Amino acid sequence: VATATPPAIEPGTDPTVSQLIVAYLDFAAEFYRKPDGKQRNEYHASSLALGFVRRHSGDCLASEFGPRKLREVRQLMIDEKLSRVYINDQVRRIIRAFKWATSEELIEPSVFQALKTLEGLRKGRTTAKDSKQRKPVSESVVEATIKHLPDVVADMVVVQRHTGMRSGELIQMRPCDIDRSGDVWLYTPRQFKSAHHGKSRVVAIGPRAQAVLLRYLARADDMHLFRP
């Protein structure tokens, strides 16, 4: 976990909502950072969520930002035709910022506790739209697409198809990351989606994906396999 810089707001003062947002994003910029220095998507999502808050209530005192104002901020998101699930996630990010401010003694705990009373948007009980469920691309579409891809990209698609790994895991593959001692190879990505939660990740690579990867393994151990 990254060591956060102490907020610029002095405890015991009554900051505006904008001041609180700036302090929280300074913290989040370091907290939501990958080992390679890049910021996680969570930071950018939080910035977008808090942008709505600043637009609506930036000048008011943070101590006066309650469930009614949060509901009005949520309505701004509804008016912009954002999806119900996305809006609920963004509201949770807003409340998380006030939780952090409470832990830093920048606001009274009652502010955060009050915001938690706002219930999320429920399906069928809001004008916010529900996104269509994402379904896997059909095999026929994959096969037709592969024929039009450059050779390296086509091989990447085939490997991903047979292993189920994420695109980010695929592009960082190196020979030194793959244990080829058994019939099934084991690939350990250096970076993956839940790494910051202390979880491990190993991808099993069977014969069909191995056949493709063999064309790319004759290189330095620390060199990426795919460089389209």
Protein backbone atom coordinates (compact mmCIF):
# COMPACT_ATOMS: atom_id res chain seq x y z
CA VAL A 1 0.00 0.00 0.00
CA ALA A 2 1.34 3.40 -0.97
CA THR A 3 2.15 5.91 1.73
CA ALA A 4 -0.26 8.80 1.35
CA THR A 5 0.76 12.43 1.57
CA PRO A 6 -1.01 14.16 4.48
CA PRO A 7 -3.92 16.29 3.23
CA ALA A 8 -3.32 20.03 2.81
CA ILE A 9 -6.47 20.80 4.82
CA GLU A 10 -5.83 21.31 8.51
CA PRO A 11 -7.92 19.06 10.78
CA GLY A 12 -10.52 21.04 12.70
CA THR A 13 -11.26 23.44 9.83
CA ASP A 14 -14.45 23.27 7.76
CA PRO A 15 -13.32 22.71 4.15
CA THR A 16 -15.44 23.28 1.09
CA VAL A 17 -16.44 20.33 -1.02
CA SER A 18 -13.90 21.38 -3.68
CA GLN A 19 -11.09 21.48 -1.12
CA LEU A 20 -12.05 18.04 0.13
CA ILE A 21 -12.09 16.68 -3.44
CA VAL A 22 -8.63 18.09 -4.20
CA ALA A 23 -7.23 16.57 -1.00
CA TYR A 24 -8.83 13.19 -1.69
CA LEU A 25 -7.60 13.02 -5.28
CA ASP A 26 -4.07 13.88 -4.12
CA PHE A 27 -4.33 10.86 -1.83
CA ALA A 28 -5.97 8.66 -4.47
CA ALA A 29 -3.32 9.50 -7.08
CA GLU A 30 -0.77 7.63 -4.98
CA PHE A 31 -3.04 5.02 -3.43
CA TYR A 32 -4.40 3.82 -6.79
CA ARG A 33 -1.03 3.43 -8.49
CA LYS A 34 0.35 0.25 -10.06
CA PRO A 35 3.86 -1.04 -9.27
CA ASP A 36 5.03 0.32 -12.65
CA GLY A 37 3.93 3.83 -11.67
CA LYS A 38 0.80 4.01 -13.82
CA GLN A 39 -2.45 4.98 -12.14
CA ARG A 40 -5.21 2.43 -11.86
CA ASN A 41 -8.55 2.92 -13.56
CA GLU A 42 -10.10 3.38 -10.12
CA TYR A 43 -8.37 6.74 -9.79
CA HIS A 44 -9.74 7.99 -13.10
CA ALA A 45 -13.24 6.70 -12.29
CA SER A 46 -13.13 8.51 -8.94
CA SER A 47 -12.03 11.72 -10.66
CA LEU A 48 -15.04 11.53 -12.97
CA ALA A 49 -17.43 10.85 -10.10
CA LEU A 50 -16.13 13.71 -8.01
CA GLY A 51 -16.27 16.00 -11.03
CA PHE A 52 -20.06 15.81 -10.83
CA VAL A 53 -19.89 16.70 -7.13
CA ARG A 54 -17.65 19.70 -7.74
CA ARG A 55 -19.90 20.95 -10.53
CA HIS A 56 -22.98 20.75 -8.32
CA SER A 57 -21.71 21.60 -4.83
CA GLY A 58 -18.08 22.62 -5.08
CA ASP A 59 -18.52 25.91 -3.22
CA CYS A 60 -20.59 24.57 -0.33
CA LEU A 61 -19.05 23.40 2.92
CA ALA A 62 -18.31 19.68 3.07
CA SER A 63 -20.19 19.56 6.37
CA GLU A 64 -23.34 20.66 4.49
CA PHE A 65 -23.09 18.01 1.79
CA GLY A 66 -25.79 15.54 2.77
CA PRO A 67 -27.99 12.88 1.17
CA ARG A 68 -30.20 15.45 -0.56
CA LYS A 69 -27.27 17.03 -2.37
CA LEU A 70 -25.86 13.60 -3.20
CA ARG A 71 -29.23 12.67 -4.69
CA GLU A 72 -29.11 15.82 -6.82
CA VAL A 73 -25.60 14.93 -7.99
CA ARG A 74 -26.89 11.49 -8.91
CA GLN A 75 -29.67 13.10 -10.92
CA LEU A 76 -27.04 14.93 -12.97
CA MET A 77 -25.65 11.53 -13.94
CA ILE A 78 -29.13 10.27 -14.81
CA ASP A 79 -29.72 13.36 -16.96
CA GLU A 80 -26.53 12.55 -18.86
CA LYS A 81 -27.98 9.13 -19.75
CA LEU A 82 -25.42 7.14 -17.77
CA SER A 83 -26.37 3.58 -16.86
CA ARG A 84 -27.92 2.63 -13.54
CA VAL A 85 -25.11 0.27 -12.49
CA TYR A 86 -22.42 2.80 -13.44
CA ILE A 87 -24.20 5.55 -11.49
CA ASN A 88 -24.44 3.35 -8.39
CA ASP A 89 -20.71 2.64 -8.65
CA GLN A 90 -19.93 6.34 -8.98
CA VAL A 91 -22.06 7.24 -5.96
CA ARG A 92 -20.16 4.65 -3.93
CA ARG A 93 -16.91 6.31 -5.01
CA ILE A 94 -18.22 9.68 -3.86
CA ILE A 95 -19.17 8.27 -0.47
CA ARG A 96 -15.74 6.63 -0.23
CA ALA A 97 -14.11 10.05 -0.59
CA PHE A 98 -16.11 11.32 2.38
CA LYS A 99 -15.20 8.19 4.32
CA TRP A 100 -11.52 9.00 3.73
CA ALA A 101 -12.11 12.60 4.83
CA THR A 102 -13.67 11.27 8.03
CA SER A 103 -10.64 9.07 8.71
CA GLU A 104 -8.41 12.14 8.27
CA GLU A 105 -10.61 14.10 10.72
CA LEU A 106 -11.43 16.66 8.05
CA ILE A 107 -15.19 16.28 8.57
CA GLU A 108 -17.43 14.97 11.31
CA PRO A 109 -18.34 11.26 11.07
CA SER A 110 -22.02 12.23 10.88
CA VAL A 111 -21.52 13.58 7.33
CA PHE A 112 -20.26 10.24 6.04
CA GLN A 113 -22.87 8.30 8.01
CA ALA A 114 -25.66 10.42 6.54
CA LEU A 115 -24.46 9.90 2.97
CA LYS A 116 -24.55 6.13 3.46
CA THR A 117 -28.33 6.33 3.98
CA LEU A 118 -28.92 7.08 0.29
CA GLU A 119 -30.05 3.82 -1.27
CA GLY A 120 -28.80 2.81 -4.69
CA LEU A 121 -30.89 2.99 -7.84
CA ARG A 122 -32.99 -0.13 -8.25
CA LYS A 123 -33.83 -1.79 -11.52
CA GLY A 124 -37.31 -0.86 -12.69
CA ARG A 125 -37.61 1.94 -10.12
CA THR A 126 -35.58 4.63 -11.84
CA THR A 127 -35.40 6.41 -15.16
CA ALA A 128 -31.68 5.55 -15.38
CA LYS A 129 -31.09 3.12 -18.20
CA ASP A 130 -29.84 -0.44 -17.77
CA SER A 131 -27.00 -1.42 -20.07
CA LYS A 132 -27.44 -4.44 -22.30
CA GLN A 133 -25.77 -7.55 -20.96
CA ARG A 134 -22.46 -8.23 -22.66
CA LYS A 135 -22.25 -11.60 -24.32
CA PRO A 136 -19.22 -13.47 -25.68
CA VAL A 137 -18.37 -12.89 -29.32
CA SER A 138 -19.48 -15.87 -31.38
CA GLU A 139 -16.88 -18.33 -32.65
CA SER A 140 -17.83 -17.56 -36.25
CA VAL A 141 -17.07 -13.85 -35.75
CA VAL A 142 -13.70 -14.65 -34.17
CA GLU A 143 -12.77 -16.99 -37.02
CA ALA A 144 -13.81 -14.46 -39.66
CA THR A 145 -11.88 -11.66 -37.94
CA ILE A 146 -8.65 -13.63 -37.52
CA LYS A 147 -8.36 -13.96 -41.30
CA HIS A 148 -7.99 -10.18 -41.64
CA LEU A 149 -5.50 -9.59 -38.80
CA PRO A 150 -1.72 -9.26 -39.07
CA ASP A 151 -0.02 -12.55 -38.23
CA VAL A 152 1.22 -11.50 -34.78
CA VAL A 153 -2.13 -10.06 -33.75
CA ALA A 154 -3.92 -13.14 -35.05
CA ASP A 155 -1.66 -15.34 -32.92
CA MET A 156 -2.40 -13.16 -29.90
CA VAL A 157 -6.13 -13.69 -30.42
CA VAL A 158 -5.66 -17.45 -30.70
CA VAL A 159 -3.64 -17.60 -27.46
CA GLN A 160 -6.15 -15.47 -25.60
CA ARG A 161 -8.99 -17.57 -26.96
CA HIS A 162 -7.48 -20.82 -25.68
CA THR A 163 -6.30 -19.53 -22.29
CA GLY A 164 -8.96 -17.00 -21.24
CA MET A 165 -6.34 -14.51 -20.08
CA ARG A 166 -6.99 -10.77 -20.20
CA SER A 167 -5.46 -8.61 -22.91
CA GLY A 168 -3.21 -6.83 -20.41
CA GLU A 169 -1.85 -10.19 -19.24
CA LEU A 170 -1.26 -11.31 -22.82
CA ILE A 171 0.81 -8.34 -23.96
CA GLN A 172 3.22 -8.55 -21.02
CA MET A 173 4.14 -12.23 -21.50
CA ARG A 174 7.88 -13.02 -21.42
CA PRO A 175 9.66 -16.41 -21.59
CA CYS A 176 10.82 -16.02 -17.97
CA ASP A 177 7.19 -15.74 -16.82
CA ILE A 178 6.21 -19.17 -18.18
CA ASP A 179 6.91 -22.44 -16.36
CA ARG A 180 7.28 -25.02 -19.15
CA SER A 181 8.34 -27.95 -16.97
CA GLY A 182 5.02 -29.81 -17.23
CA ASP A 183 2.61 -30.88 -19.96
CA VAL A 184 0.50 -27.84 -19.11
CA TRP A 185 2.53 -24.64 -19.00
CA LEU A 186 1.91 -22.17 -16.19
CA TYR A 187 2.12 -18.44 -16.85
CA THR A 188 2.39 -16.03 -13.89
CA PRO A 189 1.60 -12.44 -14.97
CA ARG A 190 3.60 -9.72 -13.23
CA GLN A 191 0.59 -7.43 -13.22
CA PHE A 192 -3.09 -8.34 -13.22
CA LYS A 193 -6.44 -6.90 -12.22
CA SER A 194 -6.59 -8.00 -8.56
CA ALA A 195 -2.87 -7.92 -7.74
CA HIS A 196 -3.33 -4.94 -5.40
CA HIS A 197 -5.58 -7.11 -3.22
CA GLY A 198 -2.67 -9.46 -2.52
CA LYS A 199 -4.05 -12.21 -4.75
CA SER A 200 -2.01 -14.48 -7.02
CA ARG A 201 -2.74 -15.34 -10.63
CA VAL A 202 -1.59 -18.31 -12.71
CA VAL A 203 -2.80 -18.99 -16.27
CA ALA A 204 -2.79 -22.57 -17.56
CA ILE A 205 -1.56 -22.94 -21.15
CA GLY A 206 -2.57 -26.11 -23.00
CA PRO A 207 -1.29 -27.70 -26.22
CA ARG A 208 -3.12 -25.45 -28.72
CA ALA A 209 -1.84 -22.21 -27.17
CA GLN A 210 1.60 -23.77 -26.67
CA ALA A 211 1.83 -24.48 -30.40
CA VAL A 212 1.43 -20.76 -31.10
CA LEU A 213 3.77 -19.58 -28.36
CA LEU A 214 6.60 -21.84 -29.55
CA ARG A 215 7.05 -19.47 -32.48
CA TYR A 216 7.87 -16.61 -30.09
CA LEU A 217 9.97 -18.19 -27.35
CA ALA A 218 13.35 -18.01 -29.10
CA ARG A 219 14.28 -14.67 -27.56
CA ALA A 220 15.78 -13.24 -24.38
CA ASP A 221 14.02 -14.37 -21.21
CA ASP A 222 13.01 -10.82 -20.27
CA MET A 223 11.79 -9.80 -23.72
CA HIS A 224 8.06 -9.56 -24.48
CA LEU A 225 6.75 -12.31 -26.74
CA PHE A 226 4.31 -10.17 -28.69
CA ARG A 227 5.46 -6.93 -30.30
CA PRO A 228 3.03 -6.35 -33.18
